[in-house]
Protein backbone atom coordinates (compact mmCIF):
# COMPACT_ATOMS: atom_id res chain seq x y z
CA MET A 1 81.07 62.46 65.19
CA GLY A 2 82.97 59.27 66.61
CA PHE A 3 84.27 59.05 69.78
CA LEU A 4 87.21 60.20 69.56
CA ASP A 5 86.42 63.26 67.74
CA PHE A 6 84.17 63.85 70.65
CA ILE A 7 87.30 63.55 72.63
CA PHE A 8 88.97 65.67 70.65
CA TYR A 9 87.14 68.39 70.93
CA THR A 10 86.06 67.90 74.43
CA PHE A 11 89.77 68.17 74.49
CA ILE A 12 90.01 71.67 73.23
CA VAL A 13 87.66 72.96 75.41
CA VAL A 14 89.00 72.08 78.24
CA VAL A 15 92.48 73.46 77.00
CA PHE A 16 90.42 77.02 76.25
CA ILE A 17 89.05 76.77 80.07
CA GLN A 18 92.68 76.31 81.53
CA VAL A 19 93.58 79.06 79.55
CA ILE A 20 90.98 81.60 80.76
CA PHE A 21 91.80 80.64 84.41
CA TYR A 22 95.49 80.79 83.51
CA ILE A 23 95.48 84.28 81.87
CA PHE A 24 92.92 86.05 83.89
CA PHE A 25 92.81 84.55 87.29
CA PHE A 26 96.23 83.40 88.08
CA GLY A 27 97.41 86.05 86.07
CA ARG A 28 96.23 88.45 88.29
CA PHE A 29 98.92 87.65 91.01
CA ALA A 30 101.73 86.48 88.83
CA PHE A 31 101.80 90.12 87.21
CA LEU A 32 100.80 91.71 90.25
CA LYS A 33 103.72 94.42 91.25
CA GLU A 34 104.36 95.15 95.28
CA LYS A 35 103.56 98.18 96.46
CA LYS A 36 105.04 99.18 99.34
CA THR A 37 102.93 100.22 102.08
CA SER A 38 103.97 102.62 104.81
CA SER A 39 104.40 100.97 108.62
CA LYS A 40 101.47 102.59 110.81
CA ASN A 41 102.42 101.11 113.95
CA ILE A 42 98.95 100.03 114.87
CA PRO A 43 98.40 98.25 118.38
CA ILE A 44 98.76 94.49 117.36
CA SER A 45 97.13 91.04 119.28
CA VAL A 46 99.19 88.19 117.43
CA ILE A 47 97.03 85.35 118.47
CA ILE A 48 98.68 81.49 118.54
CA CYS A 49 96.40 78.86 119.89
CA ALA A 50 98.15 75.67 120.85
CA LYS A 51 97.60 72.51 121.43
CA ASN A 52 100.11 69.91 123.04
CA GLU A 53 102.88 72.36 121.47
CA ALA A 54 105.19 72.41 124.03
CA GLU A 55 108.36 71.70 121.59
CA ASN A 56 107.25 73.98 119.15
CA LEU A 57 106.53 77.09 121.10
CA LYS A 58 110.32 76.41 122.98
CA THR A 59 111.58 76.61 119.22
CA PHE A 60 109.45 79.11 117.72
CA LEU A 61 107.86 81.89 119.78
CA PRO A 62 111.40 83.53 120.31
CA SER A 63 110.69 84.74 116.83
CA ILE A 64 107.58 86.13 117.79
CA ILE A 65 109.09 87.52 120.62
CA GLU A 66 111.99 89.32 118.74
CA GLN A 67 109.65 90.93 116.71
CA GLU A 68 110.86 94.48 115.51
CA TYR A 69 107.81 96.43 116.05
CA PRO A 70 106.58 98.64 118.96
CA ASN A 71 103.50 98.31 120.14
CA PHE A 72 102.04 94.75 120.04
CA GLU A 73 101.27 91.67 122.59
CA ILE A 74 100.88 87.57 122.40
CA VAL A 75 98.22 86.09 123.43
CA LEU A 76 99.04 82.55 123.76
CA ILE A 77 96.12 79.92 124.24
CA ASN A 78 96.53 76.77 125.84
CA ASP A 79 93.80 74.65 124.31
CA ALA A 80 93.15 71.64 127.08
CA SER A 81 97.02 70.59 125.99
CA HIS A 82 98.15 67.29 128.62
CA ASP A 83 101.80 67.87 127.76
CA LYS A 84 104.31 71.17 129.00
CA THR A 85 102.28 73.91 126.73
CA LEU A 86 101.12 75.82 129.31
CA LYS A 87 104.53 75.82 131.43
CA VAL A 88 106.51 76.82 128.33
CA MET A 89 103.97 79.60 128.02
CA GLU A 90 104.48 80.80 131.91
CA TYR A 91 107.93 80.94 131.38
CA PHE A 92 108.00 82.67 128.50
CA SER A 93 105.21 85.12 129.92
CA LYS A 94 107.70 85.47 133.57
CA LEU A 95 110.45 86.89 130.89
CA HIS A 96 108.26 89.21 128.75
CA GLN A 97 105.46 91.30 129.99
CA ASN A 98 103.82 91.65 126.65
CA ILE A 99 102.79 87.76 126.84
CA LYS A 100 98.73 86.85 127.90
CA ILE A 101 98.40 83.61 128.66
CA VAL A 102 94.41 81.69 127.96
CA ASP A 103 94.27 78.72 129.56
CA VAL A 104 91.12 76.71 128.24
CA LYS A 105 89.76 73.79 129.87
CA ASN A 106 87.32 71.29 127.40
CA ILE A 107 83.96 71.90 128.25
CA GLU A 108 81.45 69.18 126.88
CA ALA A 109 79.48 71.61 124.24
CA PHE A 110 83.07 72.38 122.48
CA TRP A 111 84.41 69.83 123.64
CA GLY A 112 88.37 69.66 121.28
CA ASN A 113 86.81 72.69 119.62
CA LYS A 114 89.99 74.98 118.25
CA LYS A 115 87.19 77.70 117.44
CA TYR A 116 86.04 77.40 120.88
CA ALA A 117 89.46 78.27 122.62
CA LEU A 118 89.93 80.45 119.99
CA THR A 119 86.86 82.80 120.69
CA LEU A 120 88.32 82.77 124.56
CA GLY A 121 91.53 84.16 123.13
CA ILE A 122 90.04 86.92 120.65
CA LYS A 123 88.11 88.25 123.37
CA ALA A 124 91.43 88.53 126.13
CA SER A 125 93.25 90.07 123.68
CA THR A 126 93.72 93.85 124.12
CA HIS A 127 94.47 95.40 120.74
CA ASP A 128 91.60 95.67 117.81
CA PHE A 129 93.93 94.84 115.01
CA LEU A 130 94.69 90.95 115.01
CA LEU A 131 97.40 88.98 113.67
CA PHE A 132 96.84 84.85 113.71
CA THR A 133 99.65 82.01 113.03
CA ASP A 134 100.29 78.57 114.63
CA ALA A 135 102.50 77.09 117.04
CA ASP A 136 104.56 75.65 114.84
CA CYS A 137 105.23 78.37 113.00
CA LYS A 138 108.04 81.20 112.76
CA PRO A 139 108.47 84.70 110.89
CA VAL A 140 111.38 84.48 108.20
CA SER A 141 112.21 88.10 109.46
CA LYS A 142 111.84 90.60 112.27
CA TYR A 143 109.57 92.46 110.07
CA TRP A 144 106.45 90.63 110.13
CA ILE A 145 104.36 91.98 111.65
CA LYS A 146 104.83 95.06 110.72
CA GLU A 147 104.63 94.23 107.15
CA MET A 148 101.11 92.32 107.71
CA SER A 149 99.75 94.93 109.70
CA SER A 150 100.49 98.08 107.29
CA HIS A 151 98.13 96.98 105.22
CA PHE A 152 95.32 97.92 107.66
CA ASN A 153 93.47 101.45 106.76
CA ASN A 154 89.91 102.67 106.29
CA LYS A 155 88.42 99.94 104.52
CA THR A 156 90.77 96.91 104.90
CA SER A 157 90.26 94.79 107.58
CA ILE A 158 91.30 91.44 106.26
CA VAL A 159 95.06 90.96 105.40
CA LEU A 160 95.81 87.52 103.77
CA GLY A 161 99.55 86.29 104.21
CA TYR A 162 101.51 83.50 102.42
CA GLY A 163 102.29 80.65 105.44
CA ALA A 164 105.29 78.42 103.81
CA TYR A 165 106.61 74.90 104.57
CA SER A 166 110.10 75.00 105.37
CA LYS A 167 112.27 72.92 102.38
CA ILE A 168 113.74 69.53 103.53
CA LYS A 169 116.68 68.28 100.53
CA LYS A 170 115.62 65.05 98.50
CA SER A 171 112.10 64.25 99.73
CA PHE A 172 109.58 64.03 97.17
CA LEU A 173 106.85 64.61 99.60
CA ASN A 174 108.55 67.57 100.65
CA LYS A 175 107.93 69.23 97.11
CA LEU A 176 104.81 67.83 97.12
CA ILE A 177 103.48 69.82 100.38
CA ARG A 178 104.82 73.06 99.66
CA PHE A 179 103.60 72.82 95.69
CA GLU A 180 99.87 72.07 97.05
CA THR A 181 100.87 74.87 99.23
CA LEU A 182 102.13 77.60 96.39
CA VAL A 183 99.34 76.55 94.44
CA THR A 184 96.59 77.37 96.94
CA ALA A 185 98.69 80.53 97.67
CA ILE A 186 98.44 81.47 94.19
CA THR A 187 94.58 80.72 93.97
CA TYR A 188 93.09 82.44 97.07
CA PHE A 189 95.88 85.37 96.22
CA SER A 190 94.49 85.92 92.35
CA PHE A 191 90.98 85.19 93.54
CA SER A 192 91.28 88.14 95.99
CA LYS A 193 92.61 90.36 93.59
CA LEU A 194 89.58 89.79 91.73
CA GLY A 195 87.21 90.60 93.99
CA ILE A 196 86.24 87.45 95.24
CA PRO A 197 88.40 86.33 98.33
CA TYR A 198 87.35 83.26 99.54
CA MET A 199 89.92 81.97 101.90
CA GLY A 200 93.11 82.42 103.93
CA VAL A 201 95.15 80.49 106.41
CA GLY A 202 95.79 80.42 109.64
CA ARG A 203 99.33 80.51 109.56
CA ASN A 204 99.68 83.66 108.66
CA LEU A 205 96.10 85.84 108.67
CA ALA A 206 94.99 88.61 109.67
CA TYR A 207 91.65 90.68 110.81
CA THR A 208 90.12 93.20 113.25
CA LYS A 209 88.30 92.38 116.26
CA LYS A 210 85.34 93.87 115.00
CA ASP A 211 84.90 91.82 112.21
CA PHE A 212 85.16 89.08 114.51
CA PHE A 213 82.65 90.00 116.68
CA ASN A 214 80.16 91.61 113.91
CA ALA A 215 79.80 88.51 112.38
CA ASN A 216 79.26 86.77 115.66
CA GLY A 217 82.77 85.33 115.68
CA PHE A 218 82.71 81.20 114.20
CA ILE A 219 78.76 80.91 115.40
CA SER A 220 77.72 80.16 111.85
CA HIS A 221 80.18 77.25 111.35
CA ILE A 222 81.07 76.24 115.38
CA LYS A 223 80.14 72.84 114.68
CA VAL A 224 82.46 72.19 111.84
CA ARG A 225 85.76 71.21 113.89
CA SER A 226 87.92 72.67 110.83
CA GLY A 227 87.71 75.84 109.12
CA ASP A 228 88.43 78.90 111.59
CA ASP A 229 90.54 80.62 108.98
CA ASP A 230 89.16 79.57 105.58
CA LEU A 231 85.52 79.41 106.61
CA PHE A 232 85.66 82.70 108.76
CA VAL A 233 87.69 84.33 105.63
CA ASN A 234 84.67 83.10 102.93
CA GLN A 235 82.01 84.56 105.09
CA VAL A 236 83.61 87.86 106.21
CA ALA A 237 85.85 88.78 103.10
CA ASN A 238 84.81 91.11 100.59
CA ASN A 239 86.23 92.97 97.16
CA LYS A 240 86.43 95.89 99.70
CA ASN A 241 87.51 94.84 103.02
CA THR A 242 90.58 92.18 102.08
CA THR A 243 94.06 92.68 100.76
CA ILE A 244 97.08 90.36 100.46
CA SER A 245 100.57 90.30 101.62
CA PHE A 246 103.31 89.25 99.65
CA SER A 247 106.50 90.84 100.60
CA LYS A 248 109.27 88.51 101.49
CA ASP A 249 109.13 89.60 105.27
CA SER A 250 105.44 89.05 105.94
CA PHE A 251 106.01 85.17 104.83
CA THR A 252 105.76 82.76 107.76
CA GLU A 253 107.45 79.58 107.53
CA SER A 254 105.90 75.82 109.23
CA VAL A 255 107.08 72.62 109.50
CA PRO A 256 106.09 70.37 106.90
CA LYS A 257 104.97 66.54 107.72
CA THR A 258 107.40 64.14 107.18
CA THR A 259 105.26 61.20 106.17
CA PHE A 260 102.36 60.72 103.29
CA LYS A 261 100.02 59.25 105.92
CA ASP A 262 100.33 62.48 108.41
CA TRP A 263 99.95 64.84 105.18
CA PHE A 264 97.15 62.88 103.80
CA LYS A 265 95.41 63.21 107.20
CA GLN A 266 96.13 67.01 107.39
CA LYS A 267 94.83 66.90 104.03
CA ARG A 268 91.24 65.22 104.67
CA ARG A 269 90.75 68.01 107.14
CA HIS A 270 91.81 70.87 105.24
CA VAL A 271 89.40 69.65 102.02
CA SER A 272 86.32 68.75 104.25
CA THR A 273 86.16 72.62 105.23
CA ALA A 274 85.09 73.48 101.50
CA LYS A 275 82.07 72.02 101.15
CA TYR A 276 80.74 74.71 103.48
CA TYR A 277 81.77 78.04 101.07
CA LYS A 278 79.63 80.18 98.79
CA LEU A 279 78.32 78.96 95.91
CA LYS A 280 80.47 80.51 93.46
CA HIS A 281 84.09 79.31 95.50
CA LYS A 282 82.61 75.98 94.69
CA ILE A 283 81.77 76.36 91.43
CA LEU A 284 84.76 78.38 90.64
CA LEU A 285 87.15 75.89 92.31
CA THR A 286 85.42 72.75 91.15
CA LEU A 287 85.76 74.06 87.68
CA ILE A 288 89.69 74.66 88.14
CA TYR A 289 90.19 71.04 89.21
CA CYS A 290 87.87 69.23 86.73
CA SER A 291 89.67 71.15 84.08
CA GLN A 292 93.36 69.54 85.13
CA PHE A 293 91.82 66.49 85.62
CA LEU A 294 90.32 66.08 82.19
CA PHE A 295 93.39 67.86 80.91
CA TRP A 296 95.87 65.27 81.61
CA VAL A 297 92.86 62.50 81.31
CA LEU A 298 92.21 63.25 77.85
CA ALA A 299 96.03 64.20 76.98
CA LEU A 300 96.57 60.52 77.50
CA ALA A 301 94.19 59.35 75.96
CA LEU A 302 94.22 61.25 72.51
CA LEU A 303 97.69 60.27 72.61
CA ILE A 304 97.96 57.00 73.24
CA THR A 305 95.10 56.63 70.40
CA THR A 306 97.83 58.76 68.81
CA PHE A 307 94.39 60.87 67.36
CA LYS A 308 95.21 64.37 65.77
CA TRP A 309 98.24 63.92 67.71
CA GLN A 310 99.96 66.94 66.10
CA ILE A 311 97.43 69.16 66.93
CA VAL A 312 97.40 67.35 70.86
CA CYS A 313 101.00 67.84 71.48
CA GLY A 314 100.65 71.53 70.05
CA LEU A 315 97.78 72.38 72.88
CA ILE A 316 99.56 70.45 75.55
CA LEU A 317 103.09 72.37 74.72
CA PHE A 318 100.52 75.75 74.88
CA ARG A 319 99.11 75.04 78.08
CA VAL A 320 102.26 73.82 80.17
CA VAL A 321 104.32 76.74 78.87
CA LEU A 322 101.84 78.89 79.60
CA GLN A 323 101.34 77.48 83.07
CA TYR A 324 105.26 77.69 83.44
CA ILE A 325 105.18 81.50 82.57
CA ILE A 326 102.48 81.72 85.55
CA PHE A 327 103.53 79.70 87.99
CA GLY A 328 107.74 81.02 87.31
CA LYS A 329 106.59 84.71 88.43
CA SER A 330 104.22 83.22 91.06
CA SER A 331 106.90 81.38 92.54
CA LYS A 332 109.36 84.22 91.92
CA LYS A 333 107.66 86.13 94.55
CA LEU A 334 106.77 83.64 97.02
CA GLY A 335 110.67 82.04 97.14
CA GLU A 336 109.72 78.31 95.60
CA THR A 337 111.42 78.63 92.03
CA ASP A 338 113.03 75.17 92.95
CA LEU A 339 109.51 73.61 92.49
CA LEU A 340 109.09 74.49 88.57
CA PHE A 341 111.34 71.67 87.33
CA PHE A 342 108.90 69.52 88.82
CA LEU A 343 106.05 70.95 87.83
CA PRO A 344 103.99 68.97 85.52
CA PHE A 345 105.03 65.24 87.62
CA LEU A 346 103.93 67.59 91.01
CA GLU A 347 101.09 68.61 89.17
CA ILE A 348 99.76 65.01 87.87
CA PHE A 349 100.90 63.61 91.53
CA LEU A 350 98.63 66.43 93.33
CA ILE A 351 95.47 65.81 91.25
CA THR A 352 95.67 62.24 91.99
CA ALA A 353 95.90 62.58 95.79
CA GLN A 354 93.02 65.04 95.81
CA LEU A 355 90.66 62.89 93.95
CA THR A 356 92.09 60.34 96.61
CA ILE A 357 91.25 62.25 99.49
CA PHE A 358 87.97 63.75 97.99
CA ILE A 359 86.71 60.00 97.88
CA ASN A 360 88.14 59.05 101.53
CA ASN A 361 86.13 62.19 102.66
CA LEU A 362 83.03 60.49 100.89
CA ILE A 363 83.49 57.53 102.55
CA SER A 364 84.16 58.54 105.99
CA LYS A 365 84.70 61.46 108.34
CA PRO A 366 88.12 63.08 108.78
CA ASN A 367 89.68 63.71 112.66
CA HIS A 368 90.35 67.23 113.75
CA TRP A 369 92.29 69.51 115.79
CA LYS A 370 94.51 66.76 117.79
């Protein structure tokens, strides 16, 4: 067997692996029908940890305060800010009785550690059901708390939500950021429906105080600066206690980065936590990435050499069409259909960016939490 034959048959195996993932993994979310859940009106503590977020709090906190929900408090954690974050919090707390402020000072043992600040905020919260978002986030509707909290029941104690990024017209970076967010959401939603939840995003995540304390909080990964959301979910979530929320009213929307440099730094932090995931999750995620990378590399190599190009083109077309079907249905659920036109280009660019980030993280450690 010649070298090109080897490349060709390897390409067939890679396409087969991709088809398995798209149909049996990502298809679980793509073809999932939304089930309406009834609101239980359970008391909720909304937790927002802020570090130097004075302007964002002025802009986005009102969207939390104005939520249509009968019983909720807002726990605002000032994580050793050196701007006017605390003053903004105090201003809003004077106007609204359901706002509680936790002012965190840096201590040597946990210097600049967001998990330490979050732990103090969770301990200070009044209610047993916790809903997390960020200072630069806003719920897309007044029923965010209602929708996210409606999924709690006797079995379900973790709810994974979708944290979108706002759209910026005529910006390729914005499309790339939203595409990466879409791919990530499709993956963790699909894995959750398969009974292997592995992460959530702190922009839109809910769990119980009981789960937090049963796991001894963030103690098992307290020295890992990032991962207050995904590492906690990776540790605690299982096929019985976790569900997803993807109704439009349950979404949050965040301010995206506007330069490649800032986005690159952010993704370096996010990616650095993946090595602490459970082994089965790391294997599956690595297999997904490697099969995507090899698909395009091997396809390009075979097309350049025109080796059995008819079969190669057929396999490429089959995989791309399948991807469009799965991503089309998923993006419709998550309100990101404008990305479909650029799908192959965004995928190739994202694969390249992720490889660059991975190599950079091997060379040097990324910076963390502002």
